[in-house]
Protein backbone atom coordinates (compact mmCIF):
# COMPACT_ATOMS: atom_id res chain seq x y z
CA UNK A 1 -13.61 42.17 23.28
CA UNK A 2 -12.95 41.14 19.66
CA UNK A 3 -9.24 40.80 20.40
CA UNK A 4 -9.98 38.55 23.35
CA UNK A 5 -12.21 36.32 21.21
CA UNK A 6 -9.51 36.12 18.53
CA UNK A 7 -6.89 35.11 21.08
CA UNK A 8 -9.24 32.47 22.50
CA UNK A 9 -9.91 31.07 19.01
CA UNK A 10 -6.21 30.86 18.19
CA UNK A 11 -5.62 29.03 21.45
CA UNK A 12 -7.99 26.30 20.26
CA UNK A 13 -5.92 25.69 17.13
CA UNK A 14 -3.47 22.85 17.71
CA UNK A 15 0.23 23.26 16.79
CA UNK A 16 -0.19 20.34 14.34
CA UNK A 17 -2.89 22.22 12.40
CA UNK A 18 -0.80 25.41 12.29
CA UNK A 19 2.21 23.40 11.13
CA UNK A 20 0.22 22.29 8.10
CA UNK A 21 0.02 25.89 6.80
CA UNK A 22 2.14 27.49 4.13
CA UNK A 23 5.90 27.80 4.24
CA UNK A 24 6.68 30.80 2.06
CA UNK A 25 10.36 30.81 2.95
CA UNK A 26 10.93 27.20 1.86
CA UNK A 27 8.75 27.78 -1.21
CA UNK A 28 10.89 30.74 -2.27
CA UNK A 29 14.09 28.74 -1.84
CA UNK A 30 12.69 25.86 -3.88
CA UNK A 31 11.53 28.25 -6.59
CA UNK A 32 15.04 29.72 -6.90
CA UNK A 33 16.52 26.20 -6.97
CA UNK A 34 14.13 25.36 -9.80
CA UNK A 35 15.22 28.43 -11.75
CA UNK A 36 18.85 27.38 -11.33
CA UNK A 37 18.02 23.89 -12.60
CA UNK A 38 16.33 25.41 -15.67
CA UNK A 39 19.46 27.42 -16.44
CA UNK A 40 21.46 24.19 -16.19
CA UNK A 41 19.02 22.42 -18.53
CA UNK A 42 17.97 19.98 -15.81
CA UNK A 43 14.21 20.10 -16.37
CA UNK A 44 13.24 17.00 -14.35
CA UNK A 45 14.84 18.54 -11.26
CA UNK A 46 13.38 21.95 -12.06
CA UNK A 47 9.85 20.56 -12.35
CA UNK A 48 10.17 18.76 -9.01
CA UNK A 49 11.38 21.97 -7.32
CA UNK A 50 8.60 24.11 -8.80
CA UNK A 51 5.97 21.53 -7.93
CA UNK A 52 7.06 21.36 -4.29
CA UNK A 53 7.37 25.13 -4.07
CA UNK A 54 3.80 25.51 -5.29
CA UNK A 55 2.59 22.93 -2.79
CA UNK A 56 4.15 24.82 0.12
CA UNK A 57 2.98 28.24 -1.07
CA UNK A 58 0.83 28.34 -4.24
CA UNK A 59 1.70 31.22 -6.56
CA UNK A 60 0.88 31.99 -10.22
CA UNK A 61 4.53 32.65 -11.01
CA UNK A 62 5.46 29.18 -9.82
CA UNK A 63 2.68 27.60 -11.89
CA UNK A 64 3.87 29.53 -14.96
CA UNK A 65 7.42 28.27 -14.55
CA UNK A 66 6.17 24.72 -13.90
CA UNK A 67 4.10 24.84 -17.09
CA UNK A 68 7.14 25.86 -19.12
CA UNK A 69 9.16 23.11 -17.45
CA UNK A 70 6.56 20.42 -18.22
CA UNK A 71 6.47 21.54 -21.86
CA UNK A 72 10.23 21.05 -22.12
CA UNK A 73 9.74 17.49 -20.85
CA UNK A 74 7.17 16.83 -23.58
CA UNK A 75 4.21 16.76 -21.19
CA UNK A 76 2.16 19.00 -23.45
CA UNK A 77 -1.25 18.25 -21.89
CA UNK A 78 0.05 18.94 -18.38
CA UNK A 79 1.72 22.15 -19.56
CA UNK A 80 -1.45 23.24 -21.38
CA UNK A 81 -3.51 22.71 -18.21
CA UNK A 82 -1.04 24.71 -16.10
CA UNK A 83 -0.92 27.62 -18.56
CA UNK A 84 -4.71 27.76 -18.48
CA UNK A 85 -4.59 27.72 -14.69
CA UNK A 86 -2.40 30.84 -14.76
CA UNK A 87 -4.94 32.66 -16.97
CA UNK A 88 -7.59 31.92 -14.35
CA UNK A 89 -5.46 33.12 -11.43
CA UNK A 90 -4.13 36.43 -12.73
CA UNK A 91 -6.18 39.39 -14.06
CA UNK A 92 -6.12 40.26 -17.78
CA UNK A 93 -4.07 43.36 -16.93
CA UNK A 94 -1.21 41.14 -15.71
CA UNK A 95 1.33 40.49 -18.49
CA UNK A 96 1.46 36.86 -17.43
CA UNK A 97 -2.17 36.47 -18.44
CA UNK A 98 -1.39 37.26 -22.07
CA UNK A 99 1.75 35.11 -22.00
CA UNK A 100 -0.04 32.08 -20.53
CA UNK A 101 -2.92 32.51 -23.00
CA UNK A 102 -0.50 32.55 -25.93
CA UNK A 103 1.46 29.54 -24.73
CA UNK A 104 -1.72 27.51 -24.13
CA UNK A 105 -3.00 28.36 -27.62
CA UNK A 106 0.32 27.26 -29.15
CA UNK A 107 0.07 23.90 -27.39
CA UNK A 108 -3.50 23.06 -28.39
CA UNK A 109 -2.67 21.69 -31.88
CA UNK A 110 -0.03 19.43 -30.30
CA UNK A 111 -2.33 17.89 -27.69
CA UNK A 112 -2.91 14.14 -27.98
CA UNK A 113 -6.57 13.24 -27.48
CA UNK A 114 -7.69 9.89 -26.10
CA UNK A 115 -11.29 8.65 -26.13
CA UNK A 116 -12.07 5.70 -23.86
CA UNK A 117 -15.31 3.82 -24.48
CA UNK A 118 -16.74 0.97 -22.44
CA UNK A 119 -18.23 -1.87 -24.47
CA UNK A 120 -21.95 -2.60 -23.90
CA UNK A 121 -22.95 -5.25 -21.40
CA UNK A 122 -20.76 -4.12 -18.50
CA UNK A 123 -22.41 -4.90 -15.13
CA UNK A 124 -23.44 -2.21 -12.68
CA UNK A 125 -20.56 -0.93 -10.59
CA UNK A 126 -17.99 -1.20 -13.38
CA UNK A 127 -15.08 1.23 -12.99
CA UNK A 128 -12.71 2.45 -15.72
CA UNK A 129 -9.34 3.83 -14.66
CA UNK A 130 -6.87 5.60 -16.94
CA UNK A 131 -3.36 5.66 -15.49
CA UNK A 132 -4.83 4.95 -12.05
CA UNK A 133 -7.41 7.77 -12.21
CA UNK A 134 -11.07 6.78 -12.47
CA UNK A 135 -13.00 8.08 -15.45
CA UNK A 136 -16.59 8.88 -14.58
CA UNK A 137 -19.50 8.21 -16.90
CA UNK A 138 -19.29 11.75 -18.28
CA UNK A 139 -15.60 11.29 -19.16
CA UNK A 140 -16.22 8.15 -21.22
CA UNK A 141 -16.76 8.54 -24.97
CA UNK A 142 -15.11 11.98 -24.77
CA UNK A 143 -11.83 13.01 -26.39
CA UNK A 144 -9.66 14.10 -23.45
CA UNK A 145 -6.17 15.65 -23.65
CA UNK A 146 -3.37 13.38 -22.43
CA UNK A 147 0.39 13.59 -22.39
CA UNK A 148 2.26 11.71 -25.12
CA UNK A 149 3.36 8.21 -24.24
CA UNK A 150 1.91 4.95 -23.00
CA UNK A 151 -1.36 4.95 -21.09
CA UNK A 152 -2.93 2.08 -19.18
CA UNK A 153 -6.71 1.61 -19.03
CA UNK A 154 -7.98 -0.85 -16.42
CA UNK A 155 -11.57 -2.06 -16.18
CA UNK A 156 -12.80 -3.32 -12.81
CA UNK A 157 -16.22 -4.94 -12.50
CA UNK A 158 -17.97 -6.94 -9.76
CA UNK A 159 -17.47 -10.65 -10.25
CA UNK A 160 -15.01 -10.12 -13.09
CA UNK A 161 -11.23 -10.27 -13.33
CA UNK A 162 -9.62 -6.87 -14.05
CA UNK A 163 -8.80 -6.27 -17.70
CA UNK A 164 -6.02 -3.93 -18.82
CA UNK A 165 -5.42 -2.23 -22.16
CA UNK A 166 -2.38 -0.16 -23.17
CA UNK A 167 -2.55 2.75 -25.62
CA UNK A 168 0.35 4.77 -27.06
CA UNK A 169 -0.45 8.46 -27.61
CA UNK A 170 1.59 10.88 -29.68
CA UNK A 171 1.46 14.62 -30.27
CA UNK A 172 -1.38 15.91 -32.41
CA UNK A 173 -3.10 12.52 -32.79
CA UNK A 174 -6.53 11.39 -31.62
CA UNK A 175 -6.87 7.81 -30.42
CA UNK A 176 -9.93 5.80 -29.41
CA UNK A 177 -9.97 2.59 -27.42
CA UNK A 178 -12.92 0.33 -26.57
CA UNK A 179 -12.41 -1.61 -23.36
CA UNK A 180 -14.34 -4.58 -22.00
CA UNK A 181 -14.79 -6.22 -18.64
CA UNK A 182 -12.63 -9.23 -17.84
CA UNK A 183 -13.51 -12.89 -17.54
CA UNK A 184 -16.08 -14.01 -14.99
CA UNK A 185 -14.81 -14.95 -11.57
CA UNK A 186 -16.00 -17.64 -9.21
CA UNK A 187 -15.04 -19.30 -5.93
CA UNK A 188 -14.95 -16.17 -3.82
CA UNK A 189 -13.64 -13.77 -6.41
CA UNK A 190 -10.94 -16.00 -7.85
CA UNK A 191 -10.79 -16.34 -11.65
CA UNK A 192 -12.77 -19.28 -12.98
CA UNK A 193 -9.53 -20.80 -14.22
CA UNK A 194 -8.51 -21.49 -10.62
CA UNK A 195 -11.19 -24.17 -10.54
CA UNK A 196 -9.13 -26.34 -12.85
CA UNK A 197 -6.09 -25.73 -10.66
CA UNK A 198 -8.10 -26.97 -7.67
CA UNK A 199 -9.16 -30.05 -9.57
CA UNK A 200 -5.57 -30.75 -10.49
CA UNK A 201 -4.49 -30.41 -6.86
CA UNK A 202 -7.17 -32.82 -5.66
CA UNK A 203 -6.26 -35.14 -8.50
CA UNK A 204 -2.68 -35.40 -7.27
CA UNK A 205 -3.89 -35.84 -3.67
CA UNK A 206 -6.16 -38.72 -4.61
CA UNK A 207 -3.44 -40.25 -6.73
CA UNK A 208 -1.11 -40.18 -3.76
CA UNK A 209 -3.76 -41.69 -1.48
CA UNK A 210 -4.46 -44.36 -4.07
CA UNK A 211 -0.80 -45.27 -4.43
CA UNK A 212 -0.46 -45.50 -0.65
CA UNK A 213 -3.56 -47.68 -0.42
CA UNK A 214 -2.28 -50.09 -3.05
CA UNK A 215 1.06 -50.18 -1.29
CA UNK A 216 -0.55 -51.02 2.05
CA UNK A 217 -2.67 -53.69 0.38
CA UNK A 218 0.39 -55.29 -1.17
CA UNK A 219 2.39 -55.28 2.07
CA UNK A 220 -0.44 -56.71 4.16
CA UNK A 221 -1.06 -59.28 1.42
CA UNK A 222 2.52 -60.52 1.78
CA UNK A 223 2.04 -60.58 5.57
CA UNK A 224 -1.07 -62.79 5.09
CA UNK A 225 1.08 -65.28 3.18
CA UNK A 226 3.53 -65.34 6.09
CA UNK A 227 0.75 -66.01 8.59
CA UNK A 228 -0.55 -68.81 6.33
CA UNK A 229 2.81 -70.53 6.51
CA UNK A 230 2.67 -70.33 10.31
CA UNK A 231 -0.80 -71.87 10.23
CA UNK A 232 0.44 -74.71 8.03
CA UNK A 233 3.36 -75.36 10.42
CA UNK A 234 1.24 -75.30 13.60
CA UNK A 235 -2.03 -76.95 12.50
CA UNK A 236 -2.78 -80.54 11.40
CA UNK A 237 -4.97 -81.78 8.56
CA UNK A 238 -8.08 -81.65 10.78
CA UNK A 239 -7.37 -77.92 11.36
CA UNK A 240 -6.44 -78.50 14.96
CA UNK A 241 -3.90 -75.84 15.94
CA UNK A 242 -1.71 -75.07 18.86
CA UNK A 243 -1.70 -71.55 20.35
CA UNK A 244 0.83 -70.26 17.81
CA UNK A 245 -1.30 -71.54 14.96
CA UNK A 246 -4.48 -70.02 16.42
CA UNK A 247 -2.77 -66.64 16.79
CA UNK A 248 -1.56 -66.87 13.21
CA UNK A 249 -5.14 -67.56 12.04
CA UNK A 250 -6.45 -64.44 13.84
CA UNK A 251 -3.67 -62.23 12.48
CA UNK A 252 -4.17 -63.61 8.99
CA UNK A 253 -7.87 -62.79 9.02
CA UNK A 254 -7.18 -59.23 10.22
CA UNK A 255 -4.39 -58.68 7.70
CA UNK A 256 -6.56 -60.11 4.92
CA UNK A 257 -9.33 -57.65 5.71
CA UNK A 258 -6.86 -54.74 5.81
CA UNK A 259 -5.31 -55.83 2.52
CA UNK A 260 -8.68 -56.10 0.76
CA UNK A 261 -9.93 -52.73 1.99
CA UNK A 262 -6.61 -51.06 1.12
CA UNK A 263 -6.73 -52.39 -2.43
CA UNK A 264 -10.33 -51.19 -2.85
CA UNK A 265 -9.68 -47.70 -1.45
CA UNK A 266 -6.42 -47.43 -3.36
CA UNK A 267 -8.01 -48.43 -6.63
CA UNK A 268 -10.92 -46.02 -6.25
CA UNK A 269 -8.57 -43.18 -5.27
CA UNK A 270 -6.33 -43.81 -8.26
CA UNK A 271 -9.32 -43.81 -10.57
CA UNK A 272 -10.67 -40.56 -9.06
CA UNK A 273 -7.26 -38.90 -9.20
CA UNK A 274 -6.79 -39.87 -12.83
CA UNK A 275 -10.21 -38.44 -13.71
CA UNK A 276 -9.51 -35.09 -12.00
CA UNK A 277 -6.08 -34.77 -13.60
CA UNK A 278 -7.42 -35.49 -17.07
CA UNK A 279 -10.41 -33.14 -16.71
CA UNK A 280 -8.38 -30.20 -15.34
CA UNK A 281 -6.85 -29.33 -18.69
CA UNK A 282 -9.81 -27.22 -19.92
CA UNK A 283 -8.84 -23.93 -21.48
CA UNK A 284 -9.56 -20.69 -19.63
CA UNK A 285 -11.01 -17.54 -21.13
CA UNK A 286 -8.59 -14.68 -20.46
CA UNK A 287 -9.71 -11.09 -19.90
CA UNK A 288 -10.23 -9.42 -23.25
CA UNK A 289 -9.93 -5.81 -24.37
CA UNK A 290 -10.08 -4.33 -27.84
CA UNK A 291 -7.35 -1.85 -28.72
CA UNK A 292 -7.73 0.51 -31.68
CA UNK A 293 -5.68 1.47 -32.30
CA UNK A 294 12.03 27.62 -24.65
CA UNK A 295 9.90 30.53 -24.17
CA UNK A 296 10.06 33.43 -21.77
CA UNK A 297 8.71 32.76 -18.30
CA UNK A 298 8.57 35.07 -15.34
CA UNK A 299 11.28 34.92 -12.75
CA UNK A 300 8.92 36.15 -10.01
CA UNK A 301 6.49 33.88 -8.12
CA UNK A 302 3.92 36.32 -6.80
CA UNK A 303 1.81 39.19 -8.13
């Protein structure tokens, strides 16, 4: 009965789910390839092989070799974490436990420590990310081990532009950085500085409309003069006109109205455009942030 139930349960497991299981054969091959890369002194390749091997089939021996590999690359915090992981995965009677404990203790004085503090006044919902990983409230104001090198701290807050701070860590040194939220945003989440860009755009638009209006006014003004000459040629002193003169009078009145309106609209548009262009040069407040500143390893993966 139990066998039948087991068979029925396995039948419900899809091939895709089973395919996501471990691949010990590939993991073993990758582990051996990593060991070969270590012998050749190619530690970047070795680390990649060990990391993938451990993903396919986690094993303390793989973690131990990966820790040694990361140490050779100067990633002392990563190596320290991996050595400590080995001590948690193997019993004290395993010789690898003592080895991993010793290697982790040797690395501790070399660990860079980085303390990230958020300046007061940050709005609710503010997030602090170090190298793309969010630091929770408990992680702030705490000296945390990091690998040597450059680290990026980004502050994201509702209604504020992201602010970014870079910190350089080195072995054995403790660094502290105080980060702040960025400048206030407006207009649907765009930085407040975009407002001046919008003003400048509308300034140029109005200037163009104004120039076109003045141009139309000038052209129609010249056309009015032409119609006036036709009126003079086809009307007498008593303002009696033939049909050509009467048509010229009507066109002249229409063109005069168009010319006057065009000059008025053009002038107002030019004035408005000039005002927007001149007032769009206000300085923006950028986001701010204060800156302070070969051992033996096992050649076997499993127990």
